[in-house]
Amino acid sequence: MAKTILIVEDNALNMKLFDDVLRAHGYSTVLSSDGHDIVEIACRNNADLIVMDVQLPERSGLELTKMVKSDARLRNLPVLAVTAFAAQLNERQLKEAGCDGCIAKPISIPDFLGTVASYLA
């Protein structure tokens, strides 16, 4: 059965890129442009991984990650942060929020796929 990845991304082009690349490599995807009701979405779709944009319009991806990790049903769900501001975030901030890893934008598709696969092994 295909692994399900919840993509939280507000930029339509990035969302399409992530969705197309992941689907082309056999993953099932669920999309959210703002992370609204992220806990419900992740639970309802039995997500195996969240690809989380850090810079979102209403709540930051770090805030949403804290919400996910504070829910007992999702605390072990890996969250992969994706950001254009990787140099401005430090590893401590990401770990404190509960992120399991981080990829800088613009992404390298082979690196992105390799990192995704490493969390789903």
PDB file of N, CA and C in Angstrom:
ATOM      1  N   MET A   1       0.845  -1.185   0.000  1.00  0.00           N
ATOM      2  CA  MET A   1       0.000   0.000   0.000  1.00  0.00           C
ATOM      3  C   MET A   1       0.887   1.243   0.000  1.00  0.00           C
ATOM      4  N   ALA A   2       0.480   2.252  -0.740  1.00  0.00           N
ATOM      5  CA  ALA A   2       1.258   3.484  -0.850  1.00  0.00           C
ATOM      6  C   ALA A   2       1.267   4.237   0.474  1.00  0.00           C
ATOM      7  N   LYS A   3       2.394   4.809   0.811  1.00  0.00           N
ATOM      8  CA  LYS A   3       2.509   5.665   1.990  1.00  0.00           C
ATOM      9  C   LYS A   3       1.814   6.985   1.689  1.00  0.00           C
ATOM     10  N   THR A   4       1.171   7.555   2.705  1.00  0.00           N
ATOM     11  CA  THR A   4       0.435   8.801   2.546  1.00  0.00           C
ATOM     12  C   THR A   4       1.222   9.957   3.136  1.00  0.00           C
ATOM     13  N   ILE A   5       1.407  10.984   2.320  1.00  0.00           N
ATOM     14  CA  ILE A   5       2.149  12.171   2.740  1.00  0.00           C
ATOM     15  C   ILE A   5       1.212  13.370   2.720  1.00  0.00           C
ATOM     16  N   LEU A   6       1.123  14.042   3.857  1.00  0.00           N
ATOM     17  CA  LEU A   6       0.354  15.274   3.966  1.00  0.00           C
ATOM     18  C   LEU A   6       1.298  16.426   3.633  1.00  0.00           C
ATOM     19  N   ILE A   7       0.963  17.181   2.598  1.00  0.00           N
ATOM     20  CA  ILE A   7       1.764  18.328   2.172  1.00  0.00           C
ATOM     21  C   ILE A   7       1.053  19.594   2.631  1.00  0.00           C
ATOM     22  N   VAL A   8       1.747  20.405   3.438  1.00  0.00           N
ATOM     23  CA  VAL A   8       1.211  21.687   3.889  1.00  0.00           C
ATOM     24  C   VAL A   8       2.079  22.766   3.255  1.00  0.00           C
ATOM     25  N   GLU A   9       1.503  23.460   2.275  1.00  0.00           N
ATOM     26  CA  GLU A   9       2.265  24.438   1.475  1.00  0.00           C
ATOM     27  C   GLU A   9       1.305  25.481   0.931  1.00  0.00           C
ATOM     28  N   ASP A  10       1.603  26.773   1.140  1.00  0.00           N
ATOM     29  CA  ASP A  10       0.696  27.823   0.675  1.00  0.00           C
ATOM     30  C   ASP A  10       1.001  28.303  -0.739  1.00  0.00           C
ATOM     31  N   ASN A  11       2.176  28.011  -1.260  1.00  0.00           N
ATOM     32  CA  ASN A  11       2.533  28.428  -2.611  1.00  0.00           C
ATOM     33  C   ASN A  11       2.053  27.365  -3.607  1.00  0.00           C
ATOM     34  N   ALA A  12       1.166  27.768  -4.512  1.00  0.00           N
ATOM     35  CA  ALA A  12       0.541  26.815  -5.434  1.00  0.00           C
ATOM     36  C   ALA A  12       1.560  26.084  -6.313  1.00  0.00           C
ATOM     37  N   LEU A  13       2.594  26.779  -6.767  1.00  0.00           N
ATOM     38  CA  LEU A  13       3.599  26.128  -7.613  1.00  0.00           C
ATOM     39  C   LEU A  13       4.404  25.098  -6.830  1.00  0.00           C
ATOM     40  N   ASN A  14       4.798  25.443  -5.602  1.00  0.00           N
ATOM     41  CA  ASN A  14       5.516  24.478  -4.769  1.00  0.00           C
ATOM     42  C   ASN A  14       4.630  23.280  -4.436  1.00  0.00           C
ATOM     43  N   MET A  15       3.365  23.556  -4.140  1.00  0.00           N
ATOM     44  CA  MET A  15       2.420  22.475  -3.830  1.00  0.00           C
ATOM     45  C   MET A  15       2.327  21.519  -5.019  1.00  0.00           C
ATOM     46  N   LYS A  16       2.181  22.064  -6.217  1.00  0.00           N
ATOM     47  CA  LYS A  16       2.074  21.226  -7.407  1.00  0.00           C
ATOM     48  C   LYS A  16       3.351  20.417  -7.620  1.00  0.00           C
ATOM     49  N   LEU A  17       4.506  21.048  -7.433  1.00  0.00           N
ATOM     50  CA  LEU A  17       5.775  20.352  -7.582  1.00  0.00           C
ATOM     51  C   LEU A  17       5.873  19.179  -6.601  1.00  0.00           C
ATOM     52  N   PHE A  18       5.641  19.442  -5.318  1.00  0.00           N
ATOM     53  CA  PHE A  18       5.731  18.378  -4.312  1.00  0.00           C
ATOM     54  C   PHE A  18       4.742  17.258  -4.624  1.00  0.00           C
ATOM     55  N   ASP A  19       3.511  17.653  -4.931  1.00  0.00           N
ATOM     56  CA  ASP A  19       2.460  16.676  -5.220  1.00  0.00           C
ATOM     57  C   ASP A  19       2.813  15.830  -6.440  1.00  0.00           C
ATOM     58  N   ASP A  20       3.205  16.476  -7.525  1.00  0.00           N
ATOM     59  CA  ASP A  20       3.543  15.749  -8.752  1.00  0.00           C
ATOM     60  C   ASP A  20       4.724  14.797  -8.546  1.00  0.00           C
ATOM     61  N   VAL A  21       5.770  15.289  -7.893  1.00  0.00           N
ATOM     62  CA  VAL A  21       6.970  14.473  -7.683  1.00  0.00           C
ATOM     63  C   VAL A  21       6.649  13.265  -6.794  1.00  0.00           C
ATOM     64  N   LEU A  22       5.928  13.510  -5.706  1.00  0.00           N
ATOM     65  CA  LEU A  22       5.623  12.407  -4.787  1.00  0.00           C
ATOM     66  C   LEU A  22       4.691  11.381  -5.421  1.00  0.00           C
ATOM     67  N   ARG A  23       3.665  11.853  -6.113  1.00  0.00           N
ATOM     68  CA  ARG A  23       2.746  10.911  -6.783  1.00  0.00           C
ATOM     69  C   ARG A  23       3.466  10.109  -7.867  1.00  0.00           C
ATOM     70  N   ALA A  24       4.353  10.761  -8.602  1.00  0.00           N
ATOM     71  CA  ALA A  24       5.103  10.082  -9.664  1.00  0.00           C
ATOM     72  C   ALA A  24       6.006   8.983  -9.094  1.00  0.00           C
ATOM     73  N   HIS A  25       6.323   9.079  -7.812  1.00  0.00           N
ATOM     74  CA  HIS A  25       7.170   8.075  -7.171  1.00  0.00           C
ATOM     75  C   HIS A  25       6.389   7.138  -6.261  1.00  0.00           C
ATOM     76  N   GLY A  26       5.073   7.060  -6.496  1.00  0.00           N
ATOM     77  CA  GLY A  26       4.253   6.042  -5.855  1.00  0.00           C
ATOM     78  C   GLY A  26       3.643   6.395  -4.515  1.00  0.00           C
ATOM     79  N   TYR A  27       3.774   7.633  -4.090  1.00  0.00           N
ATOM     80  CA  TYR A  27       3.173   8.032  -2.825  1.00  0.00           C
ATOM     81  C   TYR A  27       1.760   8.550  -3.038  1.00  0.00           C
ATOM     82  N   SER A  28       0.938   8.405  -2.029  1.00  0.00           N
ATOM     83  CA  SER A  28      -0.382   9.008  -1.994  1.00  0.00           C
ATOM     84  C   SER A  28      -0.218  10.346  -1.266  1.00  0.00           C
ATOM     85  N   THR A  29      -0.918  11.388  -1.711  1.00  0.00           N
ATOM     86  CA  THR A  29      -0.770  12.689  -1.072  1.00  0.00           C
ATOM     87  C   THR A  29      -2.112  13.254  -0.630  1.00  0.00           C
ATOM     88  N   VAL A  30      -2.045  14.072   0.407  1.00  0.00           N
ATOM     89  CA  VAL A  30      -3.166  14.855   0.901  1.00  0.00           C
ATOM     90  C   VAL A  30      -2.635  16.273   0.986  1.00  0.00           C
ATOM     91  N   LEU A  31      -3.419  17.248   0.526  1.00  0.00           N
ATOM     92  CA  LEU A  31      -2.923  18.621   0.407  1.00  0.00           C
ATOM     93  C   LEU A  31      -3.650  19.572   1.340  1.00  0.00           C
ATOM     94  N   SER A  32      -2.894  20.506   1.911  1.00  0.00           N
ATOM     95  CA  SER A  32      -3.466  21.573   2.722  1.00  0.00           C
ATOM     96  C   SER A  32      -2.661  22.838   2.458  1.00  0.00           C
ATOM     97  N   SER A  33      -3.356  23.919   2.117  1.00  0.00           N
ATOM     98  CA  SER A  33      -2.656  25.164   1.812  1.00  0.00           C
ATOM     99  C   SER A  33      -2.368  26.000   3.052  1.00  0.00           C
ATOM    100  N   ASP A  34      -2.991  25.672   4.186  1.00  0.00           N
ATOM    101  CA  ASP A  34      -2.780  26.492   5.389  1.00  0.00           C
ATOM    102  C   ASP A  34      -2.633  25.694   6.677  1.00  0.00           C
ATOM    103  N   GLY A  35      -2.778  24.380   6.613  1.00  0.00           N
ATOM    104  CA  GLY A  35      -2.645  23.565   7.812  1.00  0.00           C
ATOM    105  C   GLY A  35      -3.839  23.633   8.733  1.00  0.00           C
ATOM    106  N   HIS A  36      -4.923  24.281   8.274  1.00  0.00           N
ATOM    107  CA  HIS A  36      -6.138  24.363   9.078  1.00  0.00           C
ATOM    108  C   HIS A  36      -6.616  22.939   9.378  1.00  0.00           C
ATOM    109  N   ASP A  37      -6.903  22.653  10.631  1.00  0.00           N
ATOM    110  CA  ASP A  37      -7.343  21.319  11.065  1.00  0.00           C
ATOM    111  C   ASP A  37      -6.318  20.238  10.736  1.00  0.00           C
ATOM    112  N   ILE A  38      -5.048  20.557  10.876  1.00  0.00           N
ATOM    113  CA  ILE A  38      -3.989  19.619  10.503  1.00  0.00           C
ATOM    114  C   ILE A  38      -4.066  18.310  11.283  1.00  0.00           C
ATOM    115  N   VAL A  39      -4.408  18.376  12.544  1.00  0.00           N
ATOM    116  CA  VAL A  39      -4.487  17.154  13.350  1.00  0.00           C
ATOM    117  C   VAL A  39      -5.578  16.242  12.799  1.00  0.00           C
ATOM    118  N   GLU A  40      -6.737  16.818  12.519  1.00  0.00           N
ATOM    119  CA  GLU A  40      -7.841  16.035  11.958  1.00  0.00           C
ATOM    120  C   GLU A  40      -7.476  15.459  10.592  1.00  0.00           C
ATOM    121  N   ILE A  41      -6.860  16.276   9.742  1.00  0.00           N
ATOM    122  CA  ILE A  41      -6.486  15.826   8.398  1.00  0.00           C
ATOM    123  C   ILE A  41      -5.487  14.673   8.477  1.00  0.00           C
ATOM    124  N   ALA A  42      -4.477  14.812   9.332  1.00  0.00           N
ATOM    125  CA  ALA A  42      -3.461  13.763   9.467  1.00  0.00           C
ATOM    126  C   ALA A  42      -4.067  12.470   9.989  1.00  0.00           C
ATOM    127  N   CYS A  43      -4.937  12.581  10.981  1.00  0.00           N
ATOM    128  CA  CYS A  43      -5.576  11.375  11.548  1.00  0.00           C
ATOM    129  C   CYS A  43      -6.525  10.723  10.547  1.00  0.00           C
ATOM    130  N   ARG A  44      -7.382  11.520   9.937  1.00  0.00           N
ATOM    131  CA  ARG A  44      -8.390  10.998   9.012  1.00  0.00           C
ATOM    132  C   ARG A  44      -7.750  10.274   7.825  1.00  0.00           C
ATOM    133  N   ASN A  45      -6.590  10.748   7.386  1.00  0.00           N
ATOM    134  CA  ASN A  45      -5.939  10.171   6.208  1.00  0.00           C
ATOM    135  C   ASN A  45      -4.807   9.214   6.543  1.00  0.00           C
ATOM    136  N   ASN A  46      -4.630   8.925   7.844  1.00  0.00           N
ATOM    137  CA  ASN A  46      -3.554   8.022   8.284  1.00  0.00           C
ATOM    138  C   ASN A  46      -2.217   8.407   7.658  1.00  0.00           C
ATOM    139  N   ALA A  47      -1.877   9.678   7.786  1.00  0.00           N
ATOM    140  CA  ALA A  47      -0.630  10.186   7.199  1.00  0.00           C
ATOM    141  C   ALA A  47       0.575   9.446   7.769  1.00  0.00           C
ATOM    142  N   ASP A  48       1.541   9.187   6.899  1.00  0.00           N
ATOM    143  CA  ASP A  48       2.792   8.544   7.297  1.00  0.00           C
ATOM    144  C   ASP A  48       3.918   9.561   7.460  1.00  0.00           C
ATOM    145  N   LEU A  49       3.729  10.764   6.893  1.00  0.00           N
ATOM    146  CA  LEU A  49       4.737  11.821   6.930  1.00  0.00           C
ATOM    147  C   LEU A  49       4.041  13.138   6.609  1.00  0.00           C
ATOM    148  N   ILE A  50       4.528  14.217   7.220  1.00  0.00           N
ATOM    149  CA  ILE A  50       4.058  15.555   6.857  1.00  0.00           C
ATOM    150  C   ILE A  50       5.232  16.322   6.266  1.00  0.00           C
ATOM    151  N   VAL A  51       5.020  16.893   5.086  1.00  0.00           N
ATOM    152  CA  VAL A  51       5.965  17.822   4.478  1.00  0.00           C
ATOM    153  C   VAL A  51       5.399  19.203   4.777  1.00  0.00           C
ATOM    154  N   MET A  52       6.101  19.952   5.641  1.00  0.00           N
ATOM    155  CA  MET A  52       5.562  21.175   6.222  1.00  0.00           C
ATOM    156  C   MET A  52       6.341  22.421   5.790  1.00  0.00           C
ATOM    157  N   ASP A  53       5.666  23.306   5.072  1.00  0.00           N
ATOM    158  CA  ASP A  53       6.249  24.609   4.785  1.00  0.00           C
ATOM    159  C   ASP A  53       6.343  25.369   6.107  1.00  0.00           C
ATOM    160  N   VAL A  54       7.446  26.030   6.348  1.00  0.00           N
ATOM    161  CA  VAL A  54       7.620  26.753   7.608  1.00  0.00           C
ATOM    162  C   VAL A  54       6.916  28.107   7.564  1.00  0.00           C
ATOM    163  N   GLN A  55       6.953  28.782   6.418  1.00  0.00           N
ATOM    164  CA  GLN A  55       6.366  30.116   6.291  1.00  0.00           C
ATOM    165  C   GLN A  55       4.959  30.008   5.719  1.00  0.00           C
ATOM    166  N   LEU A  56       3.965  30.040   6.585  1.00  0.00           N
ATOM    167  CA  LEU A  56       2.565  29.987   6.168  1.00  0.00           C
ATOM    168  C   LEU A  56       1.881  31.280   6.583  1.00  0.00           C
ATOM    169  N   PRO A  57       0.781  31.649   5.924  1.00  0.00           N
ATOM    170  CA  PRO A  57       0.180  32.959   6.167  1.00  0.00           C
ATOM    171  C   PRO A  57      -0.452  33.146   7.554  1.00  0.00           C
ATOM    172  N   GLU A  58      -1.155  32.159   8.081  1.00  0.00           N
ATOM    173  CA  GLU A  58      -1.875  32.353   9.336  1.00  0.00           C
ATOM    174  C   GLU A  58      -1.088  31.871  10.545  1.00  0.00           C
ATOM    175  N   ARG A  59      -0.556  30.677  10.464  1.00  0.00           N
ATOM    176  CA  ARG A  59       0.262  30.093  11.529  1.00  0.00           C
ATOM    177  C   ARG A  59       1.527  29.569  10.901  1.00  0.00           C
ATOM    178  N   SER A  60       2.610  29.660  11.632  1.00  0.00           N
ATOM    179  CA  SER A  60       3.852  29.136  11.080  1.00  0.00           C
ATOM    180  C   SER A  60       3.816  27.613  11.076  1.00  0.00           C
ATOM    181  N   GLY A  61       4.595  27.038  10.191  1.00  0.00           N
ATOM    182  CA  GLY A  61       4.719  25.593  10.151  1.00  0.00           C
ATOM    183  C   GLY A  61       5.274  25.033  11.452  1.00  0.00           C
ATOM    184  N   LEU A  62       6.079  25.837  12.153  1.00  0.00           N
ATOM    185  CA  LEU A  62       6.608  25.388  13.445  1.00  0.00           C
ATOM    186  C   LEU A  62       5.493  25.291  14.478  1.00  0.00           C
ATOM    187  N   GLU A  63       4.575  26.249  14.481  1.00  0.00           N
ATOM    188  CA  GLU A  63       3.417  26.190  15.387  1.00  0.00           C
ATOM    189  C   GLU A  63       2.557  24.964  15.072  1.00  0.00           C
ATOM    190  N   LEU A  64       2.321  24.731  13.784  1.00  0.00           N
ATOM    191  CA  LEU A  64       1.508  23.580  13.386  1.00  0.00           C
ATOM    192  C   LEU A  64       2.191  22.267  13.772  1.00  0.00           C
ATOM    193  N   THR A  65       3.509  22.227  13.645  1.00  0.00           N
ATOM    194  CA  THR A  65       4.244  21.023  14.023  1.00  0.00           C
ATOM    195  C   THR A  65       4.087  20.755  15.513  1.00  0.00           C
ATOM    196  N   LYS A  66       4.146  21.810  16.342  1.00  0.00           N
ATOM    197  CA  LYS A  66       3.940  21.646  17.784  1.00  0.00           C
ATOM    198  C   LYS A  66       2.558  21.069  18.070  1.00  0.00           C
ATOM    199  N   MET A  67       1.548  21.526  17.323  1.00  0.00           N
ATOM    200  CA  MET A  67       0.191  20.994  17.494  1.00  0.00           C
ATOM    201  C   MET A  67       0.151  19.508  17.182  1.00  0.00           C
ATOM    202  N   VAL A  68       0.768  19.131  16.071  1.00  0.00           N
ATOM    203  CA  VAL A  68       0.793  17.723  15.662  1.00  0.00           C
ATOM    204  C   VAL A  68       1.478  16.886  16.732  1.00  0.00           C
ATOM    205  N   LYS A  69       2.645  17.314  17.161  1.00  0.00           N
ATOM    206  CA  LYS A  69       3.439  16.528  18.106  1.00  0.00           C
ATOM    207  C   LYS A  69       2.821  16.480  19.497  1.00  0.00           C
ATOM    208  N   SER A  70       1.939  17.436  19.818  1.00  0.00           N
ATOM    209  CA  SER A  70       1.294  17.423  21.132  1.00  0.00           C
ATOM    210  C   SER A  70       0.083  16.495  21.173  1.00  0.00           C
ATOM    211  N   ASP A  71      -0.341  15.992  20.020  1.00  0.00           N
ATOM    212  CA  ASP A  71      -1.457  15.058  19.965  1.00  0.00           C
ATOM    213  C   ASP A  71      -0.910  13.633  20.116  1.00  0.00           C
ATOM    214  N   ALA A  72      -1.410  12.904  21.098  1.00  0.00           N
ATOM    215  CA  ALA A  72      -0.897  11.562  21.398  1.00  0.00           C
ATOM    216  C   ALA A  72      -0.955  10.637  20.184  1.00  0.00           C
ATOM    217  N   ARG A  73      -1.959  10.802  19.329  1.00  0.00           N
ATOM    218  CA  ARG A  73      -2.103   9.928  18.159  1.00  0.00           C
ATOM    219  C   ARG A  73      -1.036  10.196  17.103  1.00  0.00           C
ATOM    220  N   LEU A  74      -0.439  11.393  17.125  1.00  0.00           N
ATOM    221  CA  LEU A  74       0.468  11.813  16.054  1.00  0.00           C
ATOM    222  C   LEU A  74       1.885  12.086  16.519  1.00  0.00           C
ATOM    223  N   ARG A  75       2.165  11.894  17.803  1.00  0.00           N
ATOM    224  CA  ARG A  75       3.479  12.323  18.316  1.00  0.00           C
ATOM    225  C   ARG A  75       4.644  11.645  17.622  1.00  0.00           C
ATOM    226  N   ASN A  76       4.430  10.451  17.053  1.00  0.00           N
ATOM    227  CA  ASN A  76       5.512   9.758  16.347  1.00  0.00           C
ATOM    228  C   ASN A  76       5.494   9.969  14.830  1.00  0.00           C
ATOM    229  N   LEU A  77       4.559  10.782  14.366  1.00  0.00           N
ATOM    230  CA  LEU A  77       4.464  11.074  12.929  1.00  0.00           C
ATOM    231  C   LEU A  77       5.605  12.009  12.535  1.00  0.00           C
ATOM    232  N   PRO A  78       6.466  11.592  11.598  1.00  0.00           N
ATOM    233  CA  PRO A  78       7.573  12.473  11.218  1.00  0.00           C
ATOM    234  C   PRO A  78       7.097  13.708  10.458  1.00  0.00           C
ATOM    235  N   VAL A  79       7.742  14.837  10.773  1.00  0.00           N
ATOM    236  CA  VAL A  79       7.451  16.103  10.112  1.00  0.00           C
ATOM    237  C   VAL A  79       8.752  16.603   9.487  1.00  0.00           C
ATOM    238  N   LEU A  80       8.702  16.805   8.184  1.00  0.00           N
ATOM    239  CA  LEU A  80       9.846  17.298   7.425  1.00  0.00           C
ATOM    240  C   LEU A  80       9.584  18.756   7.067  1.00  0.00           C
ATOM    241  N   ALA A  81      10.326  19.673   7.677  1.00  0.00           N
ATOM    242  CA  ALA A  81      10.168  21.098   7.404  1.00  0.00           C
ATOM    243  C   ALA A  81      10.810  21.432   6.061  1.00  0.00           C
ATOM    244  N   VAL A  82      10.142  22.302   5.307  1.00  0.00           N
ATOM    245  CA  VAL A  82      10.663  22.764   4.029  1.00  0.00           C
ATOM    246  C   VAL A  82      10.602  24.290   4.071  1.00  0.00           C
ATOM    247  N   THR A  83      11.759  24.931   3.837  1.00  0.00           N
ATOM    248  CA  THR A  83      11.785  26.379   3.967  1.00  0.00           C
ATOM    249  C   THR A  83      12.820  27.026   3.068  1.00  0.00           C
ATOM    250  N   ALA A  84      12.493  28.222   2.632  1.00  0.00           N
ATOM    251  CA  ALA A  84      13.448  29.032   1.874  1.00  0.00           C
ATOM    252  C   ALA A  84      14.362  29.780   2.836  1.00  0.00           C
ATOM    253  N   PHE A  85      14.053  29.701   4.122  1.00  0.00           N
ATOM    254  CA  PHE A  85      14.797  30.452   5.130  1.00  0.00           C
ATOM    255  C   PHE A  85      15.606  29.542   6.044  1.00  0.00           C
ATOM    256  N   ALA A  86      16.134  28.462   5.486  1.00  0.00           N
ATOM    257  CA  ALA A  86      16.864  27.482   6.295  1.00  0.00           C
ATOM    258  C   ALA A  86      18.040  28.121   7.028  1.00  0.00           C
ATOM    259  N   ALA A  87      18.708  29.074   6.410  1.00  0.00           N
ATOM    260  CA  ALA A  87      19.865  29.702   7.050  1.00  0.00           C
ATOM    261  C   ALA A  87      19.455  30.525   8.265  1.00  0.00           C
ATOM    262  N   GLN A  88      18.215  31.008   8.282  1.00  0.00           N
ATOM    263  CA  GLN A  88      17.751  31.832   9.396  1.00  0.00           C
ATOM    264  C   GLN A  88      17.197  31.002  10.545  1.00  0.00           C
ATOM    265  N   LEU A  89      16.866  29.759  10.278  1.00  0.00           N
ATOM    266  CA  LEU A  89      16.377  28.870  11.331  1.00  0.00           C
ATOM    267  C   LEU A  89      17.548  28.053  11.844  1.00  0.00           C
ATOM    268  N   ASN A  90      17.575  27.833  13.129  1.00  0.00           N
ATOM    269  CA  ASN A  90      18.629  26.968  13.612  1.00  0.00           C
ATOM    270  C   ASN A  90      18.048  25.605  13.999  1.00  0.00           C
ATOM    271  N   GLU A  91      18.924  24.659  14.119  1.00  0.00           N
ATOM    272  CA  GLU A  91      18.489  23.291  14.390  1.00  0.00           C
ATOM    273  C   GLU A  91      17.695  23.211  15.698  1.00  0.00           C
ATOM    274  N   ARG A  92      18.071  24.017  16.684  1.00  0.00           N
ATOM    275  CA  ARG A  92      17.372  24.006  17.965  1.00  0.00           C
ATOM    276  C   ARG A  92      15.905  24.414  17.797  1.00  0.00           C
ATOM    277  N   GLN A  93      15.645  25.462  16.997  1.00  0.00           N
ATOM    278  CA  GLN A  93      14.268  25.901  16.765  1.00  0.00           C
ATOM    279  C   GLN A  93      13.443  24.789  16.123  1.00  0.00           C
ATOM    280  N   LEU A  94      14.036  24.134  15.142  1.00  0.00           N
ATOM    281  CA  LEU A  94      13.328  23.056  14.450  1.00  0.00           C
ATOM    282  C   LEU A  94      13.044  21.892  15.394  1.00  0.00           C
ATOM    283  N   LYS A  95      14.037  21.508  16.192  1.00  0.00           N
ATOM    284  CA  LYS A  95      13.867  20.385  17.129  1.00  0.00           C
ATOM    285  C   LYS A  95      12.846  20.728  18.210  1.00  0.00           C
ATOM    286  N   GLU A  96      12.895  21.968  18.725  1.00  0.00           N
ATOM    287  CA  GLU A  96      11.945  22.378  19.754  1.00  0.00           C
ATOM    288  C   GLU A  96      10.509  22.318  19.247  1.00  0.00           C
ATOM    289  N   ALA A  97      10.323  22.633  17.986  1.00  0.00           N
ATOM    290  CA  ALA A  97       8.987  22.574  17.395  1.00  0.00           C
ATOM    291  C   ALA A  97       8.551  21.137  17.147  1.00  0.00           C
ATOM    292  N   GLY A  98       9.518  20.218  17.057  1.00  0.00           N
ATOM    293  CA  GLY A  98       9.191  18.814  16.812  1.00  0.00           C
ATOM    294  C   GLY A  98       9.504  18.343  15.407  1.00  0.00           C
ATOM    295  N   CYS A  99      10.141  19.195  14.604  1.00  0.00           N
ATOM    296  CA  CYS A  99      10.494  18.783  13.243  1.00  0.00           C
ATOM    297  C   CYS A  99      11.547  17.685  13.300  1.00  0.00           C
ATOM    298  N   ASP A 100      11.387  16.706  12.436  1.00  0.00           N
ATOM    299  CA  ASP A 100      12.329  15.592  12.396  1.00  0.00           C
ATOM    300  C   ASP A 100      13.465  15.842  11.418  1.00  0.00           C
ATOM    301  N   GLY A 101      13.267  16.781  10.490  1.00  0.00           N
ATOM    302  CA  GLY A 101      14.281  17.108   9.508  1.00  0.00           C
ATOM    303  C   GLY A 101      13.897  18.384   8.793  1.00  0.00           C
ATOM    304  N   CYS A 102      14.807  18.873   7.946  1.00  0.00           N
ATOM    305  CA  CYS A 102      14.560  20.118   7.219  1.00  0.00           C
ATOM    306  C   CYS A 102      15.214  20.042   5.850  1.00  0.00           C
ATOM    307  N   ILE A 103      14.517  20.547   4.861  1.00  0.00           N
ATOM    308  CA  ILE A 103      15.042  20.664   3.504  1.00  0.00           C
ATOM    309  C   ILE A 103      14.898  22.119   3.082  1.00  0.00           C
ATOM    310  N   ALA A 104      15.956  22.656   2.480  1.00  0.00           N
ATOM    311  CA  ALA A 104      15.945  24.047   2.030  1.00  0.00           C
ATOM    312  C   ALA A 104      15.341  24.152   0.632  1.00  0.00           C
ATOM    313  N   LYS A 105      14.574  25.220   0.425  1.00  0.00           N
ATOM    314  CA  LYS A 105      14.091  25.564  -0.907  1.00  0.00           C
ATOM    315  C   LYS A 105      15.128  26.473  -1.539  1.00  0.00           C
ATOM    316  N   PRO A 106      15.300  26.436  -2.823  1.00  0.00           N
ATOM    317  CA  PRO A 106      14.651  25.509  -3.754  1.00  0.00           C
ATOM    318  C   PRO A 106      15.180  24.092  -3.539  1.00  0.00           C
ATOM    319  N   ILE A 107      14.280  23.145  -3.657  1.00  0.00           N
ATOM    320  CA  ILE A 107      14.655  21.762  -3.373  1.00  0.00           C
ATOM    321  C   ILE A 107      15.406  21.137  -4.539  1.00  0.00           C
ATOM    322  N   SER A 108      16.234  20.179  -4.194  1.00  0.00           N
ATOM    323  CA  SER A 108      16.823  19.275  -5.183  1.00  0.00           C
ATOM    324  C   SER A 108      15.910  18.058  -5.171  1.00  0.00           C
ATOM    325  N   ILE A 109      15.307  17.725  -6.294  1.00  0.00           N
ATOM    326  CA  ILE A 109      14.338  16.627  -6.316  1.00  0.00           C
ATOM    327  C   ILE A 109      14.948  15.310  -5.842  1.00  0.00           C
ATOM    328  N   PRO A 110      16.139  14.918  -6.298  1.00  0.00           N
ATOM    329  CA  PRO A 110      16.708  13.663  -5.776  1.00  0.00           C
ATOM    330  C   PRO A 110      16.928  13.695  -4.258  1.00  0.00           C
ATOM    331  N   ASP A 111      17.415  14.827  -3.729  1.00  0.00           N
ATOM    332  CA  ASP A 111      17.616  14.937  -2.281  1.00  0.00           C
ATOM    333  C   ASP A 111      16.285  14.898  -1.540  1.00  0.00           C
ATOM    334  N   PHE A 112      15.291  15.594  -2.075  1.00  0.00           N
ATOM    335  CA  PHE A 112      13.959  15.613  -1.481  1.00  0.00           C
ATOM    336  C   PHE A 112      13.397  14.201  -1.400  1.00  0.00           C
ATOM    337  N   LEU A 113      13.435  13.476  -2.515  1.00  0.00           N
ATOM    338  CA  LEU A 113      12.905  12.114  -2.538  1.00  0.00           C
ATOM    339  C   LEU A 113      13.683  11.187  -1.602  1.00  0.00           C
ATOM    340  N   GLY A 114      14.990  11.354  -1.555  1.00  0.00           N
ATOM    341  CA  GLY A 114      15.799  10.531  -0.673  1.00  0.00           C
ATOM    342  C   GLY A 114      15.475  10.783   0.786  1.00  0.00           C
ATOM    343  N   THR A 115      15.275  12.063   1.133  1.00  0.00           N
ATOM    344  CA  THR A 115      14.940  12.406   2.511  1.00  0.00           C
ATOM    345  C   THR A 115      13.555  11.883   2.869  1.00  0.00           C
ATOM    346  N   VAL A 116      12.586  12.071   1.995  1.00  0.00           N
ATOM    347  CA  VAL A 116      11.238  11.542   2.226  1.00  0.00           C
ATOM    348  C   VAL A 116      11.302  10.031   2.453  1.00  0.00           C
ATOM    349  N   ALA A 117      11.985   9.328   1.570  1.00  0.00           N
ATOM    350  CA  ALA A 117      12.086   7.860   1.680  1.00  0.00           C
ATOM    351  C   ALA A 117      12.728   7.438   2.993  1.00  0.00           C
ATOM    352  N   SER A 118      13.704   8.219   3.480  1.00  0.00           N
ATOM    353  CA  SER A 118      14.390   7.842   4.711  1.00  0.00           C
ATOM    354  C   SER A 118      13.456   7.885   5.920  1.00  0.00           C
ATOM    355  N   TYR A 119      12.429   8.716   5.886  1.00  0.00           N
ATOM    356  CA  TYR A 119      11.467   8.787   6.987  1.00  0.00           C
ATOM    357  C   TYR A 119      10.354   7.751   6.865  1.00  0.00           C
ATOM    358  N   LEU A 120      10.275   7.109   5.718  1.00  0.00           N
ATOM    359  CA  LEU A 120       9.193   6.146   5.493  1.00  0.00           C
ATOM    360  C   LEU A 120       9.694   4.706   5.450  1.00  0.00           C
ATOM    361  N   ALA A 121      10.975   4.519   5.701  1.00  0.00           N
ATOM    362  CA  ALA A 121      11.569   3.179   5.630  1.00  0.00           C
ATOM    363  C   ALA A 121      11.105   2.300   6.779  1.00  0.00           C
TER     364      ALA A 121
END
